[in-house]
Each structure stands twice: as C-alpha cells, then as structure tokens.
C-alpha atoms as a PDB file:
ATOM      1  CA  MET A   1       0.306   0.082  -0.221  1.00  0.00           C
ATOM      2  CA  ASN A   2       3.020   1.920   0.560  1.00  0.00           C
ATOM      3  CA  TYR A   3       4.147   2.297  -2.708  1.00  0.00           C
ATOM      4  CA  TYR A   4       0.739   2.593  -4.231  1.00  0.00           C
ATOM      5  CA  LEU A   5       0.428   6.202  -2.121  1.00  0.00           C
ATOM      6  CA  ASP A   6       3.994   6.735  -2.927  1.00  0.00           C
ATOM      7  CA  CYS A   7       3.145   6.866  -6.833  1.00  0.00           C
ATOM      8  CA  ILE A   8      -0.253   8.733  -5.719  1.00  0.00           C
ATOM      9  CA  LYS A   9       1.096  11.279  -3.289  1.00  0.00           C
ATOM     10  CA  SER A  10       4.466  12.304  -4.257  1.00  0.00           C
ATOM     11  CA  LYS A  11       5.069  10.781  -7.333  1.00  0.00           C
ATOM     12  CA  TYR A  12       1.716  12.058  -9.055  1.00  0.00           C
ATOM     13  CA  CYS A  13       2.721  13.004 -12.704  1.00  0.00           C
ATOM     14  CA  CYS A  14       6.450  11.922 -12.164  1.00  0.00           C
ATOM     15  CA  PHE A  15       8.011  10.396 -15.600  1.00  0.00           C
ATOM     16  CA  ALA A  16      11.389  10.868 -14.777  1.00  0.00           C
ATOM     17  CA  GLY A  17      13.644   8.230 -12.792  1.00  0.00           C
ATOM     18  CA  ARG A  18      12.952   4.481 -12.485  1.00  0.00           C
ATOM     19  CA  ALA A  19      10.715   2.285 -10.607  1.00  0.00           C
ATOM     20  CA  ARG A  20      11.458  -1.102  -9.005  1.00  0.00           C
ATOM     21  CA  ARG A  21       9.296  -3.909 -10.308  1.00  0.00           C
ATOM     22  CA  LYS A  22       7.924  -4.255  -6.539  1.00  0.00           C
ATOM     23  CA  GLU A  23       6.702  -0.673  -6.677  1.00  0.00           C
ATOM     24  CA  TYR A  24       4.990  -1.373 -10.233  1.00  0.00           C
ATOM     25  CA  TRP A  25       3.162  -4.935  -9.473  1.00  0.00           C
ATOM     26  CA  MET A  26       2.013  -3.084  -6.282  1.00  0.00           C
ATOM     27  CA  PHE A  27       0.769   0.214  -7.646  1.00  0.00           C
ATOM     28  CA  ALA A  28      -0.935  -1.738 -10.226  1.00  0.00           C
ATOM     29  CA  LEU A  29      -2.654  -4.738  -7.617  1.00  0.00           C
ATOM     30  CA  VAL A  30      -3.538  -1.828  -5.182  1.00  0.00           C
ATOM     31  CA  ASN A  31      -5.211  -0.184  -8.539  1.00  0.00           C
ATOM     32  CA  PHE A  32      -6.684  -3.968  -9.729  1.00  0.00           C
ATOM     33  CA  VAL A  33      -8.261  -4.302  -6.075  1.00  0.00           C
ATOM     34  CA  ILE A  34      -9.859  -0.962  -5.904  1.00  0.00           C
ATOM     35  CA  THR A  35     -10.999  -1.434  -9.348  1.00  0.00           C
ATOM     36  CA  LEU A  36     -13.314  -4.074  -8.368  1.00  0.00           C
ATOM     37  CA  ILE A  37     -14.065  -2.889  -5.169  1.00  0.00           C
ATOM     38  CA  LEU A  38     -15.396   0.535  -7.378  1.00  0.00           C
ATOM     39  CA  GLY A  39     -17.267  -1.787  -9.780  1.00  0.00           C
ATOM     40  CA  VAL A  40     -19.256  -3.617  -7.370  1.00  0.00           C
ATOM     41  CA  ILE A  41     -20.360  -0.429  -5.641  1.00  0.00           C
ATOM     42  CA  ASP A  42     -21.028   0.641  -9.160  1.00  0.00           C
ATOM     43  CA  GLN A  43     -23.523  -1.905 -10.000  1.00  0.00           C
ATOM     44  CA  MET A  44     -25.577  -1.737  -7.111  1.00  0.00           C
ATOM     45  CA  ALA A  45     -25.717   1.978  -7.123  1.00  0.00           C
ATOM     46  CA  THR A  46     -24.062   4.656  -8.767  1.00  0.00           C
ATOM     47  CA  GLY A  47     -24.060   3.483 -12.467  1.00  0.00           C
ATOM     48  CA  GLY A  48     -20.445   3.405 -13.523  1.00  0.00           C
ATOM     49  CA  ILE A  49     -19.163   6.909 -12.284  1.00  0.00           C
ATOM     50  CA  LEU A  50     -17.058   5.689  -9.510  1.00  0.00           C
ATOM     51  CA  GLN A  51     -14.741   3.467 -11.940  1.00  0.00           C
ATOM     52  CA  LEU A  52     -14.283   6.259 -14.455  1.00  0.00           C
ATOM     53  CA  VAL A  53     -13.543   9.172 -11.679  1.00  0.00           C
ATOM     54  CA  TYR A  54     -11.019   6.602 -10.445  1.00  0.00           C
ATOM     55  CA  GLY A  55      -9.481   5.876 -13.891  1.00  0.00           C
ATOM     56  CA  LEU A  56      -9.187   9.486 -14.818  1.00  0.00           C
ATOM     57  CA  ALA A  57      -8.013  10.024 -11.269  1.00  0.00           C
ATOM     58  CA  VAL A  58      -4.871   7.139 -11.817  1.00  0.00           C
ATOM     59  CA  LEU A  59      -4.132   7.515 -14.687  1.00  0.00           C
ATOM     60  CA  LEU A  60      -1.115  10.008 -14.807  1.00  0.00           C
ATOM     61  CA  PRO A  61       0.036   8.161 -11.358  1.00  0.00           C
ATOM     62  CA  GLY A  62      -0.428   4.662 -13.804  1.00  0.00           C
ATOM     63  CA  LEU A  63       1.518   5.832 -17.065  1.00  0.00           C
ATOM     64  CA  GLY A  64       4.432   7.702 -14.349  1.00  0.00           C
ATOM     65  CA  VAL A  65       5.253   4.319 -13.022  1.00  0.00           C
ATOM     66  CA  SER A  66       4.908   2.410 -16.234  1.00  0.00           C
ATOM     67  CA  VAL A  67       7.480   4.617 -17.591  1.00  0.00           C
ATOM     68  CA  ARG A  68       9.842   4.856 -14.590  1.00  0.00           C
ATOM     69  CA  ARG A  69       9.663   0.754 -14.674  1.00  0.00           C
ATOM     70  CA  LEU A  70      10.651   1.294 -18.499  1.00  0.00           C
ATOM     71  CA  HIS A  71      13.358   3.252 -17.407  1.00  0.00           C
ATOM     72  CA  ASP A  72      14.773   0.769 -15.055  1.00  0.00           C
ATOM     73  CA  ILE A  73      15.104  -1.403 -17.689  1.00  0.00           C
ATOM     74  CA  GLY A  74      17.196   1.069 -19.383  1.00  0.00           C
ATOM     75  CA  LYS A  75      13.866   1.702 -22.662  1.00  0.00           C
ATOM     76  CA  SER A  76      12.392   4.957 -23.260  1.00  0.00           C
ATOM     77  CA  GLY A  77       8.848   5.382 -21.851  1.00  0.00           C
ATOM     78  CA  TRP A  78       8.164   5.834 -25.561  1.00  0.00           C
ATOM     79  CA  TRP A  79       7.988   2.064 -25.504  1.00  0.00           C
ATOM     80  CA  LEU A  80       4.773   2.172 -24.139  1.00  0.00           C
ATOM     81  CA  LEU A  81       2.634   2.781 -27.567  1.00  0.00           C
ATOM     82  CA  LEU A  82       4.019  -0.766 -28.398  1.00  0.00           C
ATOM     83  CA  GLY A  83       0.451  -1.489 -25.979  1.00  0.00           C
ATOM     84  CA  LEU A  84      -1.280  -0.078 -28.775  1.00  0.00           C
ATOM     85  CA  PHE A  85      -1.111  -2.972 -30.761  1.00  0.00           C
ATOM     86  CA  PRO A  86      -2.717  -5.580 -30.387  1.00  0.00           C
ATOM     87  CA  ILE A  87      -2.084  -8.983 -28.615  1.00  0.00           C
ATOM     88  CA  VAL A  88       1.694  -8.583 -29.522  1.00  0.00           C
ATOM     89  CA  GLY A  89       2.261  -5.534 -27.813  1.00  0.00           C
ATOM     90  CA  PRO A  90       0.830  -6.041 -24.403  1.00  0.00           C
ATOM     91  CA  ILE A  91       2.624  -8.849 -24.310  1.00  0.00           C
ATOM     92  CA  VAL A  92       6.307  -7.283 -25.484  1.00  0.00           C
ATOM     93  CA  LEU A  93       4.947  -5.020 -22.267  1.00  0.00           C
ATOM     94  CA  LEU A  94       4.321  -7.228 -19.792  1.00  0.00           C
ATOM     95  CA  VAL A  95       7.737  -8.870 -20.270  1.00  0.00           C
ATOM     96  CA  PHE A  96       9.364  -5.923 -20.169  1.00  0.00           C
ATOM     97  CA  VAL A  97       7.873  -4.883 -16.999  1.00  0.00           C
ATOM     98  CA  CYS A  98       9.002  -8.318 -15.659  1.00  0.00           C
ATOM     99  CA  LEU A  99      12.523  -8.213 -16.577  1.00  0.00           C
ATOM    100  CA  ASP A 100      14.735  -7.251 -13.393  1.00  0.00           C
ATOM    101  CA  GLY A 101      16.229  -3.729 -13.676  1.00  0.00           C
ATOM    102  CA  LYS A 102      19.360  -2.700 -14.603  1.00  0.00           C
ATOM    103  CA  PRO A 103      22.148  -2.941 -12.135  1.00  0.00           C
ATOM    104  CA  GLY A 104      24.049   0.751 -11.370  1.00  0.00           C
ATOM    105  CA  THR A 105      23.236   3.908 -13.000  1.00  0.00           C
ATOM    106  CA  ASN A 106      22.334   4.274 -16.423  1.00  0.00           C
ATOM    107  CA  GLU A 107      21.016   7.484 -18.287  1.00  0.00           C
ATOM    108  CA  TYR A 108      17.842   7.510 -16.021  1.00  0.00           C
ATOM    109  CA  GLY A 109      19.316   7.878 -12.845  1.00  0.00           C
ATOM    110  CA  PRO A 110      20.893   5.790 -10.383  1.00  0.00           C
ATOM    111  CA  ASN A 111      18.858   2.190  -9.615  1.00  0.00           C
ATOM    112  CA  PRO A 112      16.127   2.035  -7.281  1.00  0.00           C
ATOM    113  CA  LYS A 113      17.622  -0.866  -5.301  1.00  0.00           C
ATOM    114  CA  GLY A 114      20.437   1.045  -4.477  1.00  0.00           C
ATOM    115  CA  ALA A 115      22.830  -1.836  -5.757  1.00  0.00           C
END
C-alpha cells in the first residue's frame, strides 16, 4: 500500500527516474483491487461513475510508474506505445515490466534498489 500511496502522492505526474518491479506491481495490484471494489459498488448503486472518476484520477500516476519501470530496464517511456498493437504489444510490455532492472546507474538515474 505504501508504494501505491507514494505513486499517488509524491510521484503523481513524475515520468523521470526509475521504478523497481515491486513499486510497479504493488501499484498495479492495489489499483486492480480498488477497481474491482468500485465496480461492485457501481453495479449496485451509481451506474459506473465511480470507476470512471477513479480511472481518470490514476491515469497519470499509472503512466508515470509504467514509464519509470521501463526506464529501470534501460528503455524509453515511448515503448508504452507498443501497447497499442493488439496481442503482441501488451505481451511484450508484460515481459518488459517483469525484467530485472539494469544494475548501477543508467541514463535515467541511479538504481532504485541502491545496488
């Protein structure tokens, strides 16, 4: 939960630097759970507005953590556009976000693991 809050509060629209796998996946997990809960509430009460508002609120933090995750493996954030290609693009991006980050400092900053 701490990684999620960090992405929302202090790195809301931050595309610079690097993000560990743990930061990316914890953000994705908490985001998924919140979306599921809001989906259930929307089905019972509001007609879908809660998920829409939440989705817009986490759009920039989600893009930011994704770009920083790509930076950690030495790729540009523009690689996110690969997700626009059906089937192959999302699979390649999934492989990228699962890769371990480059050790030491790269062109995007120091290693977030501290190694």
